[in-house]
């Protein structure tokens, strides 16, 4: 029995961990990288408060070679009728069961100039490139004294954007030292289309995080839809009534406005929206009971809100575990209850020792929330990489 897993993110590795405990099946794991990275920590790599090595580990470290074959390759198409996966190098991989966990891509929403002039932050390499770019711009300021080199603009004030802003505040000391200025001379902006930020939290809790960023000198331009990105320039609508546009110049422009699921989903003919498949109660693709679609390429409907659950590491881990459990039950001729999800809460970090969020029904903020955030990160390492990776890469600086 051949099970193929596409993607070694949270969902894919969680499924792998469960399936490797089973007998009588062989697993092929395919990912374009030879490492797994903690996507929830990308903002820290971008800001330079963590290294890319500290948030990643080699996939081979969690692969049991007698049960699993790992292939480093890029998936280009899935042929559900032939039950094959096509790779960029021309190889075809056959499967009996397929677990699709291909992850996310940056979403430009059709805004002109995003791909040409804004820095993406969608994987370890692009996050590290953001940090190197910031440092290069600080060095340029030393040469030119042009204040645009001291400006950093974050496009989008969603969960990722807010966490990035907090990390950038923490990184200002490093940037200022290179530029030869005071930390407060580093100008950090955020341009966001909506006025009401962080709707997943109560207004009071969201205000706690936003007010902290403002007190640290972050300039939030809310209710300002971005219309275009030009070289060193963000063009946004400044007035909703007159449609008047305004320009913000900066040498560092980071794009965090949103993501979509992998383009492979659409290229493979699945019915999808923004790269996400609305799956069955058992996380399978409609009309294809042997294909599980999980993680960022999956849309699981929340019965209460009638909308898909947000794609988070938490639900991805749950999906990975369920998909493996359901697959193994199916092989034994058994059935299990449909997939259900109840969020344990969500915590946003704004720097190493500041955070805010909800755990269960309780709102947490400040240092206690930061402690919880790091514990959550450590738990995800345990669920994907096991004790070895948690001890090697875990966040144990819990007391500062």
Protein backbone atom coordinates (compact mmCIF):
# COMPACT_ATOMS: atom_id res chain seq x y z
CA UNK A 1 0.00 0.00 0.00
CA UNK A 2 1.56 3.29 -1.12
CA UNK A 3 0.71 6.51 0.71
CA UNK A 4 2.14 9.73 -0.69
CA UNK A 5 2.33 12.92 1.37
CA UNK A 6 2.86 16.22 -0.46
CA UNK A 7 4.40 18.85 1.79
CA UNK A 8 6.43 18.72 4.99
CA UNK A 9 4.76 21.55 6.86
CA UNK A 10 2.72 21.23 10.04
CA UNK A 11 -0.05 19.13 8.49
CA UNK A 12 2.17 16.89 6.39
CA UNK A 13 4.65 16.04 9.13
CA UNK A 14 1.89 15.46 11.69
CA UNK A 15 0.31 12.95 9.31
CA UNK A 16 3.71 11.35 8.68
CA UNK A 17 4.38 10.94 12.39
CA UNK A 18 1.11 9.04 12.86
CA UNK A 19 1.42 6.91 9.72
CA UNK A 20 4.97 5.80 10.48
CA UNK A 21 3.60 3.92 13.49
CA UNK A 22 1.51 1.68 11.20
CA UNK A 23 2.51 -1.57 9.50
CA UNK A 24 1.88 -2.80 5.96
CA UNK A 25 2.22 0.49 4.13
CA UNK A 26 4.99 2.47 2.52
CA UNK A 27 5.08 6.26 2.64
CA UNK A 28 6.62 8.66 0.15
CA UNK A 29 7.07 12.21 1.45
CA UNK A 30 7.70 14.94 -1.12
CA UNK A 31 8.76 18.52 -0.41
CA UNK A 32 10.68 21.10 -2.45
CA UNK A 33 12.95 21.71 0.54
CA UNK A 34 15.00 19.25 2.56
CA UNK A 35 13.98 20.97 5.80
CA UNK A 36 10.85 21.77 7.78
CA UNK A 37 10.45 25.27 9.16
CA UNK A 38 8.16 26.74 11.80
CA UNK A 39 6.03 29.05 9.65
CA UNK A 40 4.71 30.82 12.75
CA UNK A 41 8.25 32.15 13.38
CA UNK A 42 8.96 33.58 9.93
CA UNK A 43 8.37 37.15 11.12
CA UNK A 44 11.24 36.78 13.59
CA UNK A 45 13.63 35.63 10.88
CA UNK A 46 12.54 38.57 8.72
CA UNK A 47 13.24 41.00 11.56
CA UNK A 48 16.47 39.27 12.51
CA UNK A 49 15.45 38.35 16.06
CA UNK A 50 15.81 34.64 15.18
CA UNK A 51 18.02 32.90 12.63
CA UNK A 52 16.61 30.66 9.93
CA UNK A 53 18.56 27.75 11.44
CA UNK A 54 16.82 28.22 14.79
CA UNK A 55 13.34 27.69 13.31
CA UNK A 56 14.07 24.78 10.98
CA UNK A 57 15.30 21.21 11.02
CA UNK A 58 16.16 18.57 8.41
CA UNK A 59 13.26 16.44 7.23
CA UNK A 60 15.48 13.35 7.25
CA UNK A 61 15.74 13.73 11.03
CA UNK A 62 12.08 12.70 11.38
CA UNK A 63 11.88 10.20 8.51
CA UNK A 64 12.05 6.51 9.41
CA UNK A 65 13.89 5.28 6.33
CA UNK A 66 12.61 1.71 6.56
CA UNK A 67 9.03 2.98 6.18
CA UNK A 68 9.33 6.31 4.40
CA UNK A 69 11.11 7.49 1.28
CA UNK A 70 11.78 11.22 1.19
CA UNK A 71 11.99 12.93 -2.21
CA UNK A 72 13.19 16.50 -2.52
CA UNK A 73 11.19 17.73 -5.48
CA UNK A 74 8.65 20.27 -6.67
CA UNK A 75 5.12 19.08 -7.31
CA UNK A 76 3.60 20.50 -10.50
CA UNK A 77 0.38 18.50 -10.88
CA UNK A 78 -1.79 15.82 -9.34
CA UNK A 79 -3.66 13.45 -11.68
CA UNK A 80 -6.48 12.14 -9.52
CA UNK A 81 -7.77 9.77 -12.20
CA UNK A 82 -4.40 8.10 -12.86
CA UNK A 83 -3.45 8.37 -9.17
CA UNK A 84 -0.11 9.93 -9.97
CA UNK A 85 1.84 12.99 -8.87
CA UNK A 86 3.99 14.79 -11.44
CA UNK A 87 7.23 16.47 -10.36
CA UNK A 88 9.07 19.34 -12.05
CA UNK A 89 11.90 17.00 -13.10
CA UNK A 90 9.44 14.81 -15.02
CA UNK A 91 9.14 12.00 -12.48
CA UNK A 92 5.73 10.45 -11.85
CA UNK A 93 4.92 9.05 -8.41
CA UNK A 94 2.09 6.54 -8.06
CA UNK A 95 -0.13 6.36 -4.99
CA UNK A 96 -3.02 4.44 -3.50
CA UNK A 97 -3.75 7.20 -1.00
CA UNK A 98 -2.64 10.80 -1.24
CA UNK A 99 -2.32 13.43 1.48
CA UNK A 100 -2.06 16.92 -0.01
CA UNK A 101 -0.49 19.42 2.39
CA UNK A 102 1.25 21.76 -0.04
CA UNK A 103 1.06 24.92 2.04
CA UNK A 104 0.54 28.57 1.16
CA UNK A 105 1.76 31.18 -1.29
CA UNK A 106 1.75 34.97 -1.18
CA UNK A 107 -1.44 36.58 -2.50
CA UNK A 108 -1.19 39.89 -4.38
CA UNK A 109 -4.96 40.30 -4.92
CA UNK A 110 -4.15 41.61 -8.39
CA UNK A 111 -2.49 44.76 -7.06
CA UNK A 112 0.02 46.08 -9.56
CA UNK A 113 3.69 46.02 -8.65
CA UNK A 114 3.50 43.67 -5.67
CA UNK A 115 5.65 40.93 -7.17
CA UNK A 116 8.13 43.40 -8.65
CA UNK A 117 8.61 45.86 -5.79
CA UNK A 118 7.51 44.28 -2.48
CA UNK A 119 9.37 41.71 -0.40
CA UNK A 120 7.41 38.48 0.27
CA UNK A 121 7.65 36.57 3.54
CA UNK A 122 6.37 33.09 2.76
CA UNK A 123 9.23 30.75 3.64
CA UNK A 124 12.60 30.66 5.39
CA UNK A 125 14.56 31.93 2.40
CA UNK A 126 12.29 34.90 1.69
CA UNK A 127 12.14 35.79 5.39
CA UNK A 128 15.94 35.70 5.65
CA UNK A 129 16.12 37.82 2.49
CA UNK A 130 13.93 40.46 4.15
CA UNK A 131 16.39 40.72 7.04
CA UNK A 132 19.40 40.97 4.75
CA UNK A 133 17.62 43.64 2.73
CA UNK A 134 16.92 45.70 5.85
CA UNK A 135 20.57 45.52 6.91
CA UNK A 136 21.72 46.52 3.41
CA UNK A 137 19.39 49.53 3.47
CA UNK A 138 20.79 50.61 6.84
CA UNK A 139 24.27 50.43 5.39
CA UNK A 140 23.10 52.50 2.43
CA UNK A 141 21.89 55.19 4.82
CA UNK A 142 25.44 55.48 6.14
CA UNK A 143 26.52 56.34 2.60
CA UNK A 144 23.62 58.52 1.42
CA UNK A 145 21.93 59.98 4.55
CA UNK A 146 18.64 59.52 2.65
CA UNK A 147 15.95 58.93 5.30
CA UNK A 148 14.04 56.61 2.97
CA UNK A 149 16.65 53.97 3.80
CA UNK A 150 15.56 54.17 7.44
CA UNK A 151 11.90 53.54 6.58
CA UNK A 152 10.29 50.10 6.75
CA UNK A 153 6.71 49.64 5.51
CA UNK A 154 4.67 46.55 6.35
CA UNK A 155 1.74 46.09 3.96
CA UNK A 156 -1.10 44.49 5.90
CA UNK A 157 -2.04 44.48 9.58
CA UNK A 158 -3.34 40.95 9.88
CA UNK A 159 -2.00 38.48 12.43
CA UNK A 160 1.31 38.06 10.58
CA UNK A 161 1.71 41.78 9.95
CA UNK A 162 1.16 42.66 13.61
CA UNK A 163 3.67 40.04 14.77
CA UNK A 164 6.19 41.31 12.23
CA UNK A 165 5.76 44.88 13.44
CA UNK A 166 6.52 43.80 17.00
CA UNK A 167 9.62 41.92 15.88
CA UNK A 168 10.81 44.89 13.80
CA UNK A 169 10.52 47.13 16.87
CA UNK A 170 12.72 44.66 18.69
CA UNK A 171 15.21 44.66 15.81
CA UNK A 172 15.52 48.45 15.67
CA UNK A 173 18.55 48.48 17.91
CA UNK A 174 20.48 46.32 15.43
CA UNK A 175 19.32 48.40 12.47
CA UNK A 176 20.21 51.68 14.17
CA UNK A 177 23.69 50.49 15.04
CA UNK A 178 24.42 49.71 11.39
CA UNK A 179 22.90 52.98 10.17
CA UNK A 180 24.68 55.01 12.85
CA UNK A 181 21.45 56.50 14.20
CA UNK A 182 19.28 56.22 17.30
CA UNK A 183 16.73 53.34 17.39
CA UNK A 184 13.85 55.81 17.34
CA UNK A 185 15.15 57.14 14.01
CA UNK A 186 14.16 53.85 12.36
CA UNK A 187 10.70 54.60 10.98
CA UNK A 188 8.26 51.67 10.94
CA UNK A 189 4.94 52.03 9.10
CA UNK A 190 1.99 49.75 8.46
CA UNK A 191 -0.59 50.32 5.72
CA UNK A 192 -3.89 48.44 6.10
CA UNK A 193 -7.18 48.57 4.18
CA UNK A 194 -9.53 48.14 7.15
CA UNK A 195 -9.98 50.18 10.29
CA UNK A 196 -10.92 47.34 12.64
CA UNK A 197 -7.77 45.31 13.25
CA UNK A 198 -7.42 41.77 14.62
CA UNK A 199 -11.13 40.81 14.50
CA UNK A 200 -10.31 37.40 16.01
CA UNK A 201 -9.81 39.16 19.36
CA UNK A 202 -12.07 41.35 21.47
CA UNK A 203 -11.79 45.09 20.85
CA UNK A 204 -10.16 45.55 24.25
CA UNK A 205 -7.54 42.87 23.62
CA UNK A 206 -6.81 44.03 20.07
CA UNK A 207 -6.43 47.58 21.37
CA UNK A 208 -3.86 46.32 23.89
CA UNK A 209 -1.60 45.06 21.10
CA UNK A 210 -2.21 48.01 18.78
CA UNK A 211 -1.63 50.58 21.53
CA UNK A 212 1.67 48.95 22.44
CA UNK A 213 2.86 49.16 18.84
CA UNK A 214 1.85 52.82 18.66
CA UNK A 215 3.62 53.58 21.94
CA UNK A 216 6.77 52.03 20.45
CA UNK A 217 6.60 54.43 17.53
CA UNK A 218 4.92 52.28 14.87
CA UNK A 219 2.86 54.46 12.53
CA UNK A 220 -0.36 52.65 11.62
CA UNK A 221 -2.19 53.88 8.52
CA UNK A 222 -5.54 52.07 8.77
CA UNK A 223 -8.50 52.37 6.42
CA UNK A 224 -6.01 52.94 3.59
CA UNK A 225 -6.42 50.32 0.83
CA UNK A 226 -3.22 49.75 -1.14
CA UNK A 227 -3.74 50.47 -4.83
CA UNK A 228 -0.27 49.93 -6.25
CA UNK A 229 3.32 49.23 -5.31
CA UNK A 230 5.93 51.16 -7.27
CA UNK A 231 9.69 51.22 -6.87
CA UNK A 232 10.30 52.33 -3.25
CA UNK A 233 6.68 53.54 -3.02
CA UNK A 234 3.36 52.35 -1.60
CA UNK A 235 0.36 54.01 -3.26
CA UNK A 236 -2.77 53.92 -1.10
CA UNK A 237 -6.25 55.42 -1.05
CA UNK A 238 -6.17 58.17 1.54
CA UNK A 239 -9.83 59.22 1.41
CA UNK A 240 -12.74 56.81 0.89
CA UNK A 241 -15.10 59.54 -0.35
CA UNK A 242 -12.86 61.40 -2.78
CA UNK A 243 -10.78 58.31 -3.69
CA UNK A 244 -7.72 60.54 -3.34
CA UNK A 245 -4.42 58.68 -3.46
CA UNK A 246 -1.30 59.22 -1.43
CA UNK A 247 2.23 57.86 -1.67
CA UNK A 248 4.51 56.60 1.08
CA UNK A 249 8.15 56.23 0.08
CA UNK A 250 10.51 53.72 1.70
CA UNK A 251 13.40 51.51 0.67
CA UNK A 252 11.96 48.48 2.49
CA UNK A 253 8.41 47.37 1.62
CA UNK A 254 7.25 44.01 3.05
CA UNK A 255 4.09 42.30 1.78
CA UNK A 256 1.96 40.49 4.40
CA UNK A 257 -1.57 41.23 3.22
CA UNK A 258 -2.63 37.63 2.70
CA UNK A 259 -1.92 34.18 1.37
CA UNK A 260 -3.59 31.58 -0.82
CA UNK A 261 -3.16 27.84 -1.06
CA UNK A 262 -0.68 26.31 -3.49
CA UNK A 263 -1.30 26.99 -7.19
CA UNK A 264 -0.90 23.23 -7.75
CA UNK A 265 -4.46 22.76 -6.48
CA UNK A 266 -5.95 24.76 -9.34
CA UNK A 267 -3.48 23.35 -11.87
CA UNK A 268 -4.64 19.85 -10.93
CA UNK A 269 -8.30 20.57 -11.67
CA UNK A 270 -9.67 20.50 -8.15
CA UNK A 271 -12.67 22.71 -7.46
CA UNK A 272 -11.11 25.42 -5.34
CA UNK A 273 -11.10 29.02 -4.27
CA UNK A 274 -7.79 30.81 -3.74
CA UNK A 275 -6.01 27.47 -3.77
CA UNK A 276 -8.21 25.87 -1.11
CA UNK A 277 -10.52 22.89 -1.52
CA UNK A 278 -13.74 22.69 0.49
CA UNK A 279 -13.27 19.18 1.85
CA UNK A 280 -15.69 16.51 3.07
CA UNK A 281 -16.33 15.74 6.73
CA UNK A 282 -13.38 13.34 6.57
CA UNK A 283 -11.00 15.90 5.01
CA UNK A 284 -11.09 14.23 1.61
CA UNK A 285 -11.53 15.93 -1.75
CA UNK A 286 -15.07 15.71 -3.11
CA UNK A 287 -15.33 12.76 -5.55
CA UNK A 288 -11.92 11.43 -4.46
CA UNK A 289 -12.12 9.46 -1.23
CA UNK A 290 -8.45 8.45 -1.42
CA UNK A 291 -7.19 12.06 -1.49
CA UNK A 292 -6.94 14.00 1.76
CA UNK A 293 -6.54 17.76 1.45
CA UNK A 294 -5.22 19.36 4.64
CA UNK A 295 -3.47 22.42 6.00
CA UNK A 296 -3.34 25.66 4.02
CA UNK A 297 -4.86 24.09 0.89
CA UNK A 298 -7.94 22.90 2.77
CA UNK A 299 -11.14 24.75 3.62
CA UNK A 300 -13.01 23.26 6.59
CA UNK A 301 -16.33 24.93 7.23
CA UNK A 302 -17.18 26.25 10.67
CA UNK A 303 -20.81 25.24 11.24
CA UNK A 304 -21.38 28.27 13.46
CA UNK A 305 -20.02 31.03 11.25
CA UNK A 306 -20.69 29.23 7.94
CA UNK A 307 -17.19 30.28 6.89
CA UNK A 308 -13.95 28.29 6.60
CA UNK A 309 -11.78 28.16 9.70
CA UNK A 310 -8.68 30.36 9.47
CA UNK A 311 -5.64 28.39 8.34
CA UNK A 312 -3.41 28.17 11.41
CA UNK A 313 -0.72 25.83 12.65
CA UNK A 314 -3.16 24.59 15.28
CA UNK A 315 -5.81 23.38 12.84
CA UNK A 316 -3.15 22.07 10.43
CA UNK A 317 -1.74 19.82 13.14
CA UNK A 318 -5.23 18.56 13.98
CA UNK A 319 -5.95 17.89 10.30
CA UNK A 320 -2.70 15.98 9.85
CA UNK A 321 -3.45 13.72 12.80
CA UNK A 322 -7.05 13.14 11.71
CA UNK A 323 -6.17 12.37 8.08
CA UNK A 324 -3.70 9.70 9.19
CA UNK A 325 -6.18 8.26 11.69
CA UNK A 326 -8.99 8.14 9.12
CA UNK A 327 -6.75 6.60 6.45
CA UNK A 328 -5.61 3.83 8.79
CA UNK A 329 -9.20 3.16 9.87
CA UNK A 330 -10.28 2.95 6.22
CA UNK A 331 -7.58 0.38 5.49
CA UNK A 332 -8.99 -1.75 8.31
CA UNK A 333 -12.56 -1.39 7.01
CA UNK A 334 -13.51 0.80 9.96
CA UNK A 335 -15.17 4.19 10.21
CA UNK A 336 -14.48 7.10 12.55
CA UNK A 337 -16.42 10.23 13.42
CA UNK A 338 -16.14 13.26 11.13
CA UNK A 339 -13.41 15.83 11.69
CA UNK A 340 -14.22 18.48 14.25
CA UNK A 341 -12.20 21.43 15.41
CA UNK A 342 -12.40 23.53 18.53
CA UNK A 343 -9.76 26.21 18.79
CA UNK A 344 -7.73 26.17 21.98
CA UNK A 345 -7.11 29.87 21.48
CA UNK A 346 -4.70 32.13 19.66
CA UNK A 347 -1.78 34.22 20.90
CA UNK A 348 0.02 36.96 18.93
CA UNK A 349 3.55 37.94 19.88
CA UNK A 350 4.79 41.51 19.60
CA UNK A 351 8.42 40.95 20.43
CA UNK A 352 10.16 38.33 22.55
CA UNK A 353 8.52 39.18 25.87
CA UNK A 354 5.22 40.79 24.86
CA UNK A 355 2.14 39.00 23.55
CA UNK A 356 -1.64 38.97 23.79
CA UNK A 357 -4.39 36.56 22.93
CA UNK A 358 -7.00 34.06 24.07
CA UNK A 359 -6.36 30.69 25.69
CA UNK A 360 -9.55 28.73 26.17
CA UNK A 361 -12.02 31.37 27.30
CA UNK A 362 -9.42 33.52 29.05
CA UNK A 363 -7.75 36.60 27.62
CA UNK A 364 -4.03 36.83 28.32
CA UNK A 365 -1.56 39.62 27.71
CA UNK A 366 1.92 40.83 28.54
CA UNK A 367 4.61 38.50 29.82
CA UNK A 368 2.23 35.60 30.73
CA UNK A 369 0.96 35.58 27.14
CA UNK A 370 4.55 35.54 25.87
CA UNK A 371 5.26 32.51 28.07
CA UNK A 372 2.21 30.72 26.62
CA UNK A 373 3.16 31.64 23.04
CA UNK A 374 6.56 29.99 23.44
CA UNK A 375 4.98 26.93 25.01
CA UNK A 376 2.65 26.66 22.00
CA UNK A 377 5.64 26.82 19.64
CA UNK A 378 7.40 24.09 21.61
CA UNK A 379 4.32 21.90 21.46
CA UNK A 380 4.12 22.19 17.67
CA UNK A 381 7.77 21.10 17.47
CA UNK A 382 6.92 18.09 19.61
CA UNK A 383 3.97 17.15 17.39
CA UNK A 384 5.92 17.35 14.12
CA UNK A 385 9.49 16.50 15.05
CA UNK A 386 9.23 14.70 18.37
CA UNK A 387 11.19 15.21 21.56
CA UNK A 388 14.55 15.45 19.77
CA UNK A 389 13.53 18.45 17.66
CA UNK A 390 11.68 20.12 20.50
CA UNK A 391 14.77 19.97 22.71
CA UNK A 392 17.04 21.10 19.87
CA UNK A 393 14.89 23.93 18.49
CA UNK A 394 12.46 24.75 21.28
CA UNK A 395 11.94 28.19 22.77
CA UNK A 396 13.04 27.84 26.37
CA UNK A 397 13.89 31.50 27.05
CA UNK A 398 10.62 31.64 28.93
CA UNK A 399 11.66 34.04 31.64
CA UNK A 400 12.61 37.14 29.59
